[in-house]
Each structure stands twice: as structure tokens, then as C-alpha cells.
Amino acid sequence: MEIKLFTGEIDALVHLLTQNIWFYHTNQHVKEETVRAAFAEGYYENDRETYWILVNGERVGLIFIHDISDTIPLFDIRLDANCRGKGYGVQALHWLQAYLFEVKGKIRIEGYTRVDNIGMRKCFSKAGFVKEGYLRNA
């Protein structure tokens, strides 16, 4: 697995985000026009960093790091449905930890997931994340 900076490959971004169902996200069915409008407005770069997750040179996922200028950034990892459950999420979390703590000097990172997202909860646990609590009314 390899992580590469997103450098404006809008068609590939549209393809990945629109060809998958994001069951555990607010917007489960992302529309092409939404991605293109967000890109045009600088969403994937404004106080964010966006990275591709590549396996054998193929784009299989994305890492969005939000609030990158903050000491405690938040992140979102999205994997193509065909690549889930293969360990790429854990590898992405290990990369994210090394990058944010060692390269960017962050003091803490935040990730949220729903209680029913068992796959992501397992990724967090395997990557050494510690659960701080439940957001019961969020």
C-alpha cells in the first residue's frame, strides 16, 4: 500500500466517491456535481490535506485530514467497497499517525465512527487508538 498526495485528479476523485455507498457517513450517495463543486471551491485543500490510498498503483481509497492547521486535526478514511476488510484501513491509520505526529508535529488526532461501523472500530483498535467515549446525542 502507498499513500500519495491528491494533486487535482478530479475524475478519479469523482469516480471513487460516486461509485461507492458510504454507509457510515452523513451523505451515503455522493453525487458527481457535489464533488466537482466542492473541488472548484477548494474544499479538498482549504485547511485540509487529501491523500490517495494506492494498492499496486490503483487508487482504492482516500484520506481527508481536516483542520490541518489545528494542533488536533480530524480525519476521514474512505475505501472502495472491494478493498474493505483487507487491512488497508489499519495501514492507512498507521501512516496517518506517523505523518501527523512525526512530520506535522501534532499533539493528538481525532477520528469518529458510528457504533455500528464494526470494521472501522476494529481498524482503530488494531492501530492502537483509544476510545474516549460515546457521543450519544450527536
N, C-alpha and C. Protein backbone atom coordinates (compact mmCIF):
# COMPACT_ATOMS: atom_id res chain seq x y z
N MET A 1 0.83 -1.17 0.00
CA MET A 1 0.00 0.00 0.00
C MET A 1 0.88 1.24 0.00
N GLU A 2 0.41 2.26 -0.67
CA GLU A 2 1.15 3.51 -0.79
C GLU A 2 0.18 4.68 -0.58
N ILE A 3 0.68 5.77 -0.02
CA ILE A 3 -0.12 6.98 0.18
C ILE A 3 0.50 8.08 -0.66
N LYS A 4 -0.33 8.75 -1.47
CA LYS A 4 0.16 9.84 -2.33
C LYS A 4 -0.76 11.04 -2.20
N LEU A 5 -0.17 12.21 -2.22
CA LEU A 5 -0.92 13.45 -2.13
C LEU A 5 -1.86 13.60 -3.33
N PHE A 6 -3.08 14.01 -3.06
CA PHE A 6 -4.05 14.34 -4.10
C PHE A 6 -3.59 15.63 -4.77
N THR A 7 -3.44 15.58 -6.08
CA THR A 7 -2.95 16.76 -6.81
C THR A 7 -3.92 17.18 -7.91
N GLY A 8 -5.20 17.04 -7.63
CA GLY A 8 -6.21 17.54 -8.56
C GLY A 8 -6.78 16.55 -9.55
N GLU A 9 -6.62 15.26 -9.30
CA GLU A 9 -7.16 14.24 -10.19
C GLU A 9 -8.67 14.13 -9.98
N ILE A 10 -9.38 15.13 -10.49
CA ILE A 10 -10.81 15.26 -10.20
C ILE A 10 -11.64 14.10 -10.74
N ASP A 11 -11.35 13.60 -11.91
CA ASP A 11 -12.14 12.49 -12.45
C ASP A 11 -12.01 11.24 -11.60
N ALA A 12 -10.81 10.95 -11.14
CA ALA A 12 -10.60 9.79 -10.26
C ALA A 12 -11.30 10.00 -8.92
N LEU A 13 -11.27 11.22 -8.41
CA LEU A 13 -11.95 11.55 -7.16
C LEU A 13 -13.46 11.34 -7.31
N VAL A 14 -14.01 11.88 -8.38
CA VAL A 14 -15.44 11.71 -8.66
C VAL A 14 -15.79 10.23 -8.74
N HIS A 15 -14.97 9.47 -9.47
CA HIS A 15 -15.25 8.04 -9.64
C HIS A 15 -15.30 7.32 -8.29
N LEU A 16 -14.27 7.50 -7.47
CA LEU A 16 -14.23 6.79 -6.20
C LEU A 16 -15.40 7.18 -5.29
N LEU A 17 -15.67 8.48 -5.20
CA LEU A 17 -16.70 8.94 -4.27
C LEU A 17 -18.12 8.63 -4.74
N THR A 18 -18.33 8.58 -6.05
CA THR A 18 -19.69 8.35 -6.54
C THR A 18 -20.01 6.88 -6.82
N GLN A 19 -18.99 6.04 -6.95
CA GLN A 19 -19.22 4.63 -7.27
C GLN A 19 -19.32 3.74 -6.04
N ASN A 20 -19.31 4.34 -4.88
CA ASN A 20 -19.42 3.59 -3.64
C ASN A 20 -20.55 4.14 -2.79
N ILE A 21 -21.08 3.28 -1.95
CA ILE A 21 -22.06 3.72 -0.95
C ILE A 21 -21.30 3.86 0.36
N TRP A 22 -21.45 5.02 0.99
CA TRP A 22 -20.71 5.33 2.22
C TRP A 22 -21.68 5.17 3.39
N PHE A 23 -21.93 3.93 3.77
CA PHE A 23 -22.95 3.58 4.74
C PHE A 23 -22.85 4.34 6.06
N TYR A 24 -21.66 4.65 6.50
CA TYR A 24 -21.48 5.23 7.82
C TYR A 24 -21.20 6.73 7.77
N HIS A 25 -21.52 7.36 6.67
CA HIS A 25 -21.34 8.80 6.51
C HIS A 25 -22.70 9.48 6.35
N THR A 26 -22.74 10.75 6.63
CA THR A 26 -23.98 11.51 6.52
C THR A 26 -24.54 11.43 5.11
N ASN A 27 -23.69 11.62 4.11
CA ASN A 27 -24.09 11.56 2.71
C ASN A 27 -23.64 10.21 2.15
N GLN A 28 -24.54 9.25 2.15
CA GLN A 28 -24.18 7.90 1.72
C GLN A 28 -24.01 7.77 0.21
N HIS A 29 -24.72 8.59 -0.55
CA HIS A 29 -24.68 8.53 -2.01
C HIS A 29 -24.18 9.87 -2.53
N VAL A 30 -22.89 9.96 -2.74
CA VAL A 30 -22.28 11.21 -3.18
C VAL A 30 -22.55 11.40 -4.68
N LYS A 31 -22.92 12.60 -5.05
CA LYS A 31 -23.24 12.92 -6.45
C LYS A 31 -22.05 13.62 -7.11
N GLU A 32 -21.89 13.36 -8.40
CA GLU A 32 -20.77 13.94 -9.16
C GLU A 32 -20.73 15.46 -9.04
N GLU A 33 -21.87 16.11 -9.22
CA GLU A 33 -21.88 17.58 -9.18
C GLU A 33 -21.46 18.12 -7.81
N THR A 34 -21.74 17.37 -6.75
CA THR A 34 -21.33 17.78 -5.41
C THR A 34 -19.81 17.75 -5.28
N VAL A 35 -19.18 16.69 -5.78
CA VAL A 35 -17.73 16.56 -5.72
C VAL A 35 -17.06 17.64 -6.56
N ARG A 36 -17.56 17.84 -7.76
CA ARG A 36 -16.96 18.84 -8.65
C ARG A 36 -17.12 20.25 -8.09
N ALA A 37 -18.27 20.56 -7.50
CA ALA A 37 -18.47 21.88 -6.91
C ALA A 37 -17.55 22.08 -5.71
N ALA A 38 -17.43 21.05 -4.87
CA ALA A 38 -16.53 21.15 -3.71
C ALA A 38 -15.09 21.35 -4.16
N PHE A 39 -14.69 20.62 -5.20
CA PHE A 39 -13.34 20.76 -5.74
C PHE A 39 -13.11 22.18 -6.25
N ALA A 40 -14.07 22.71 -7.00
CA ALA A 40 -13.95 24.06 -7.56
C ALA A 40 -13.84 25.11 -6.46
N GLU A 41 -14.46 24.85 -5.33
CA GLU A 41 -14.42 25.79 -4.19
C GLU A 41 -13.20 25.57 -3.31
N GLY A 42 -12.36 24.60 -3.63
CA GLY A 42 -11.15 24.35 -2.86
C GLY A 42 -11.34 23.51 -1.62
N TYR A 43 -12.46 22.81 -1.54
CA TYR A 43 -12.77 22.02 -0.34
C TYR A 43 -11.66 21.03 0.02
N TYR A 44 -11.06 20.39 -0.94
CA TYR A 44 -10.09 19.32 -0.66
C TYR A 44 -8.72 19.86 -0.30
N GLU A 45 -8.59 21.20 -0.25
CA GLU A 45 -7.31 21.82 0.09
C GLU A 45 -7.41 22.88 1.18
N ASN A 46 -8.53 23.53 1.33
CA ASN A 46 -8.67 24.62 2.31
C ASN A 46 -8.64 24.09 3.73
N ASP A 47 -7.52 24.29 4.41
CA ASP A 47 -7.27 23.78 5.76
C ASP A 47 -7.44 22.26 5.84
N ARG A 48 -7.20 21.62 4.69
CA ARG A 48 -7.28 20.17 4.58
C ARG A 48 -6.10 19.66 3.76
N GLU A 49 -5.81 18.40 3.95
CA GLU A 49 -4.91 17.70 3.06
C GLU A 49 -5.64 16.43 2.64
N THR A 50 -5.53 16.11 1.37
CA THR A 50 -6.21 14.94 0.82
C THR A 50 -5.18 14.02 0.20
N TYR A 51 -5.27 12.74 0.51
CA TYR A 51 -4.31 11.74 0.03
C TYR A 51 -5.03 10.55 -0.57
N TRP A 52 -4.43 10.01 -1.61
CA TRP A 52 -4.89 8.76 -2.20
C TRP A 52 -4.29 7.59 -1.44
N ILE A 53 -5.06 6.53 -1.31
CA ILE A 53 -4.56 5.24 -0.85
C ILE A 53 -4.45 4.39 -2.10
N LEU A 54 -3.23 3.94 -2.40
CA LEU A 54 -3.00 3.15 -3.61
C LEU A 54 -2.55 1.74 -3.24
N VAL A 55 -3.05 0.79 -3.99
CA VAL A 55 -2.63 -0.61 -3.86
C VAL A 55 -2.26 -1.07 -5.26
N ASN A 56 -1.01 -1.48 -5.42
CA ASN A 56 -0.49 -1.88 -6.74
C ASN A 56 -0.74 -0.79 -7.77
N GLY A 57 -0.58 0.45 -7.37
CA GLY A 57 -0.74 1.59 -8.26
C GLY A 57 -2.17 2.03 -8.52
N GLU A 58 -3.14 1.29 -8.00
CA GLU A 58 -4.56 1.60 -8.22
C GLU A 58 -5.11 2.41 -7.04
N ARG A 59 -5.86 3.45 -7.35
CA ARG A 59 -6.49 4.28 -6.32
C ARG A 59 -7.66 3.52 -5.71
N VAL A 60 -7.52 3.16 -4.43
CA VAL A 60 -8.56 2.37 -3.77
C VAL A 60 -9.19 3.09 -2.58
N GLY A 61 -8.69 4.27 -2.27
CA GLY A 61 -9.26 4.99 -1.14
C GLY A 61 -8.69 6.38 -1.00
N LEU A 62 -9.22 7.06 -0.01
CA LEU A 62 -8.83 8.44 0.27
C LEU A 62 -8.67 8.66 1.76
N ILE A 63 -7.76 9.56 2.08
CA ILE A 63 -7.63 10.06 3.44
C ILE A 63 -7.83 11.57 3.37
N PHE A 64 -8.79 12.06 4.11
CA PHE A 64 -9.00 13.50 4.23
C PHE A 64 -8.55 13.90 5.63
N ILE A 65 -7.64 14.85 5.71
CA ILE A 65 -7.23 15.38 7.01
C ILE A 65 -7.82 16.78 7.10
N HIS A 66 -8.76 16.94 8.01
CA HIS A 66 -9.44 18.22 8.20
C HIS A 66 -8.75 19.01 9.30
N ASP A 67 -8.90 20.32 9.29
CA ASP A 67 -8.32 21.19 10.32
C ASP A 67 -6.82 20.96 10.45
N ILE A 68 -6.13 20.87 9.34
CA ILE A 68 -4.70 20.55 9.34
C ILE A 68 -3.88 21.62 10.05
N SER A 69 -4.36 22.83 10.12
CA SER A 69 -3.62 23.90 10.81
C SER A 69 -3.81 23.83 12.32
N ASP A 70 -4.76 23.08 12.79
CA ASP A 70 -5.04 22.94 14.22
C ASP A 70 -4.03 21.95 14.83
N THR A 71 -3.85 22.01 16.13
CA THR A 71 -2.97 21.05 16.80
C THR A 71 -3.62 19.67 16.91
N ILE A 72 -4.95 19.63 16.73
CA ILE A 72 -5.69 18.37 16.83
C ILE A 72 -6.56 18.20 15.58
N PRO A 73 -5.98 17.72 14.48
CA PRO A 73 -6.77 17.54 13.26
C PRO A 73 -7.72 16.34 13.36
N LEU A 74 -8.72 16.38 12.52
CA LEU A 74 -9.71 15.31 12.39
C LEU A 74 -9.49 14.66 11.02
N PHE A 75 -9.80 13.39 10.90
CA PHE A 75 -9.59 12.72 9.61
C PHE A 75 -10.78 11.87 9.21
N ASP A 76 -10.80 11.55 7.94
CA ASP A 76 -11.82 10.69 7.36
C ASP A 76 -11.09 9.75 6.39
N ILE A 77 -11.33 8.47 6.52
CA ILE A 77 -10.74 7.49 5.60
C ILE A 77 -11.89 6.82 4.86
N ARG A 78 -11.75 6.74 3.54
CA ARG A 78 -12.77 6.08 2.72
C ARG A 78 -12.09 5.08 1.80
N LEU A 79 -12.58 3.86 1.85
CA LEU A 79 -12.04 2.79 1.00
C LEU A 79 -13.11 2.29 0.04
N ASP A 80 -12.69 2.00 -1.18
CA ASP A 80 -13.58 1.38 -2.16
C ASP A 80 -14.15 0.11 -1.54
N ALA A 81 -15.41 -0.17 -1.83
CA ALA A 81 -16.09 -1.33 -1.24
C ALA A 81 -15.34 -2.63 -1.47
N ASN A 82 -14.68 -2.78 -2.61
CA ASN A 82 -13.93 -4.01 -2.91
C ASN A 82 -12.65 -4.15 -2.10
N CYS A 83 -12.24 -3.10 -1.42
CA CYS A 83 -10.97 -3.12 -0.69
C CYS A 83 -11.14 -3.08 0.82
N ARG A 84 -12.36 -3.11 1.27
CA ARG A 84 -12.61 -3.08 2.71
C ARG A 84 -12.37 -4.47 3.29
N GLY A 85 -11.92 -4.50 4.55
CA GLY A 85 -11.70 -5.77 5.22
C GLY A 85 -10.41 -6.47 4.83
N LYS A 86 -9.49 -5.75 4.20
CA LYS A 86 -8.23 -6.35 3.75
C LYS A 86 -7.01 -5.78 4.46
N GLY A 87 -7.24 -4.97 5.49
CA GLY A 87 -6.14 -4.42 6.26
C GLY A 87 -5.65 -3.05 5.81
N TYR A 88 -6.22 -2.51 4.74
CA TYR A 88 -5.76 -1.22 4.24
C TYR A 88 -6.12 -0.08 5.19
N GLY A 89 -7.23 -0.20 5.87
CA GLY A 89 -7.62 0.83 6.84
C GLY A 89 -6.63 0.95 7.98
N VAL A 90 -6.18 -0.18 8.50
CA VAL A 90 -5.19 -0.18 9.58
C VAL A 90 -3.87 0.40 9.08
N GLN A 91 -3.45 0.01 7.88
CA GLN A 91 -2.22 0.56 7.31
C GLN A 91 -2.34 2.07 7.11
N ALA A 92 -3.50 2.52 6.67
CA ALA A 92 -3.72 3.96 6.48
C ALA A 92 -3.66 4.69 7.83
N LEU A 93 -4.21 4.09 8.86
CA LEU A 93 -4.15 4.71 10.20
C LEU A 93 -2.71 4.78 10.71
N HIS A 94 -1.92 3.74 10.47
CA HIS A 94 -0.50 3.78 10.88
C HIS A 94 0.24 4.89 10.14
N TRP A 95 -0.01 5.01 8.83
CA TRP A 95 0.61 6.09 8.06
C TRP A 95 0.18 7.44 8.61
N LEU A 96 -1.10 7.58 8.87
CA LEU A 96 -1.65 8.84 9.38
C LEU A 96 -1.01 9.23 10.71
N GLN A 97 -0.86 8.27 11.60
CA GLN A 97 -0.21 8.55 12.89
C GLN A 97 1.23 9.02 12.69
N ALA A 98 1.98 8.31 11.89
CA ALA A 98 3.38 8.69 11.66
C ALA A 98 3.45 10.07 11.03
N TYR A 99 2.64 10.31 10.04
CA TYR A 99 2.66 11.59 9.34
C TYR A 99 2.27 12.74 10.27
N LEU A 100 1.17 12.60 10.97
CA LEU A 100 0.69 13.72 11.79
C LEU A 100 1.55 13.96 13.03
N PHE A 101 2.02 12.90 13.66
CA PHE A 101 2.82 13.10 14.87
C PHE A 101 4.28 13.41 14.55
N GLU A 102 4.87 12.67 13.64
CA GLU A 102 6.31 12.81 13.39
C GLU A 102 6.64 13.92 12.39
N VAL A 103 5.85 14.06 11.36
CA VAL A 103 6.14 15.05 10.32
C VAL A 103 5.49 16.39 10.64
N LYS A 104 4.23 16.37 11.00
CA LYS A 104 3.48 17.61 11.23
C LYS A 104 3.53 18.10 12.68
N GLY A 105 4.00 17.28 13.59
CA GLY A 105 4.14 17.70 14.99
C GLY A 105 2.83 17.89 15.73
N LYS A 106 1.80 17.17 15.35
CA LYS A 106 0.50 17.30 16.02
C LYS A 106 0.56 16.63 17.38
N ILE A 107 -0.28 17.10 18.30
CA ILE A 107 -0.28 16.55 19.66
C ILE A 107 -1.34 15.48 19.86
N ARG A 108 -2.29 15.43 18.92
CA ARG A 108 -3.40 14.49 19.05
C ARG A 108 -4.14 14.48 17.72
N ILE A 109 -4.78 13.38 17.41
CA ILE A 109 -5.63 13.32 16.22
C ILE A 109 -6.98 12.74 16.61
N GLU A 110 -8.00 13.12 15.87
CA GLU A 110 -9.35 12.67 16.20
C GLU A 110 -9.97 11.92 15.04
N GLY A 111 -10.64 10.84 15.36
CA GLY A 111 -11.42 10.10 14.39
C GLY A 111 -12.72 9.68 15.06
N TYR A 112 -13.78 9.77 14.31
CA TYR A 112 -15.10 9.38 14.82
C TYR A 112 -15.66 8.28 13.94
N THR A 113 -16.42 7.40 14.55
CA THR A 113 -17.18 6.43 13.77
C THR A 113 -18.43 6.07 14.54
N ARG A 114 -19.36 5.51 13.83
CA ARG A 114 -20.61 5.09 14.46
C ARG A 114 -20.39 3.77 15.18
N VAL A 115 -21.22 3.52 16.18
CA VAL A 115 -21.10 2.31 16.97
C VAL A 115 -21.32 1.06 16.12
N ASP A 116 -22.10 1.17 15.05
CA ASP A 116 -22.37 0.01 14.20
C ASP A 116 -21.35 -0.18 13.08
N ASN A 117 -20.35 0.68 13.01
CA ASN A 117 -19.30 0.53 12.00
C ASN A 117 -18.19 -0.35 12.58
N ILE A 118 -18.48 -1.62 12.61
CA ILE A 118 -17.57 -2.60 13.24
C ILE A 118 -16.20 -2.61 12.56
N GLY A 119 -16.18 -2.52 11.23
CA GLY A 119 -14.90 -2.54 10.50
C GLY A 119 -13.99 -1.41 10.93
N MET A 120 -14.53 -0.20 11.03
CA MET A 120 -13.69 0.94 11.43
C MET A 120 -13.30 0.85 12.89
N ARG A 121 -14.20 0.35 13.71
CA ARG A 121 -13.85 0.18 15.13
C ARG A 121 -12.69 -0.80 15.29
N LYS A 122 -12.70 -1.86 14.48
CA LYS A 122 -11.59 -2.82 14.52
C LYS A 122 -10.30 -2.18 14.03
N CYS A 123 -10.40 -1.35 12.99
CA CYS A 123 -9.22 -0.64 12.48
C CYS A 123 -8.63 0.23 13.58
N PHE A 124 -9.47 1.01 14.24
CA PHE A 124 -9.00 1.87 15.33
C PHE A 124 -8.27 1.05 16.39
N SER A 125 -8.88 -0.03 16.81
CA SER A 125 -8.29 -0.87 17.85
C SER A 125 -6.95 -1.45 17.42
N LYS A 126 -6.89 -2.01 16.21
CA LYS A 126 -5.65 -2.61 15.71
C LYS A 126 -4.53 -1.59 15.52
N ALA A 127 -4.91 -0.33 15.28
CA ALA A 127 -3.90 0.72 15.07
C ALA A 127 -3.52 1.40 16.38
N GLY A 128 -4.07 0.94 17.49
CA GLY A 128 -3.67 1.47 18.80
C GLY A 128 -4.44 2.70 19.26
N PHE A 129 -5.54 3.02 18.60
CA PHE A 129 -6.35 4.16 19.05
C PHE A 129 -7.09 3.80 20.33
N VAL A 130 -7.38 4.79 21.14
CA VAL A 130 -8.09 4.59 22.38
C VAL A 130 -9.44 5.29 22.30
N LYS A 131 -10.49 4.56 22.62
CA LYS A 131 -11.83 5.15 22.61
C LYS A 131 -11.98 6.03 23.85
N GLU A 132 -12.38 7.27 23.60
CA GLU A 132 -12.59 8.19 24.72
C GLU A 132 -14.03 8.21 25.18
N GLY A 133 -14.95 7.88 24.33
CA GLY A 133 -16.33 7.90 24.76
C GLY A 133 -17.30 7.77 23.62
N TYR A 134 -18.56 7.82 23.98
CA TYR A 134 -19.66 7.77 23.02
C TYR A 134 -20.32 9.13 22.94
N LEU A 135 -20.68 9.55 21.75
CA LEU A 135 -21.47 10.76 21.56
C LEU A 135 -22.90 10.29 21.40
N ARG A 136 -23.64 10.29 22.47
CA ARG A 136 -24.98 9.69 22.48
C ARG A 136 -26.04 10.53 21.78
N ASN A 137 -25.88 11.82 21.75
CA ASN A 137 -26.89 12.68 21.15
C ASN A 137 -26.35 13.53 20.00
N ALA A 138 -25.30 13.06 19.37
CA ALA A 138 -24.70 13.83 18.28
C ALA A 138 -25.39 13.53 16.96
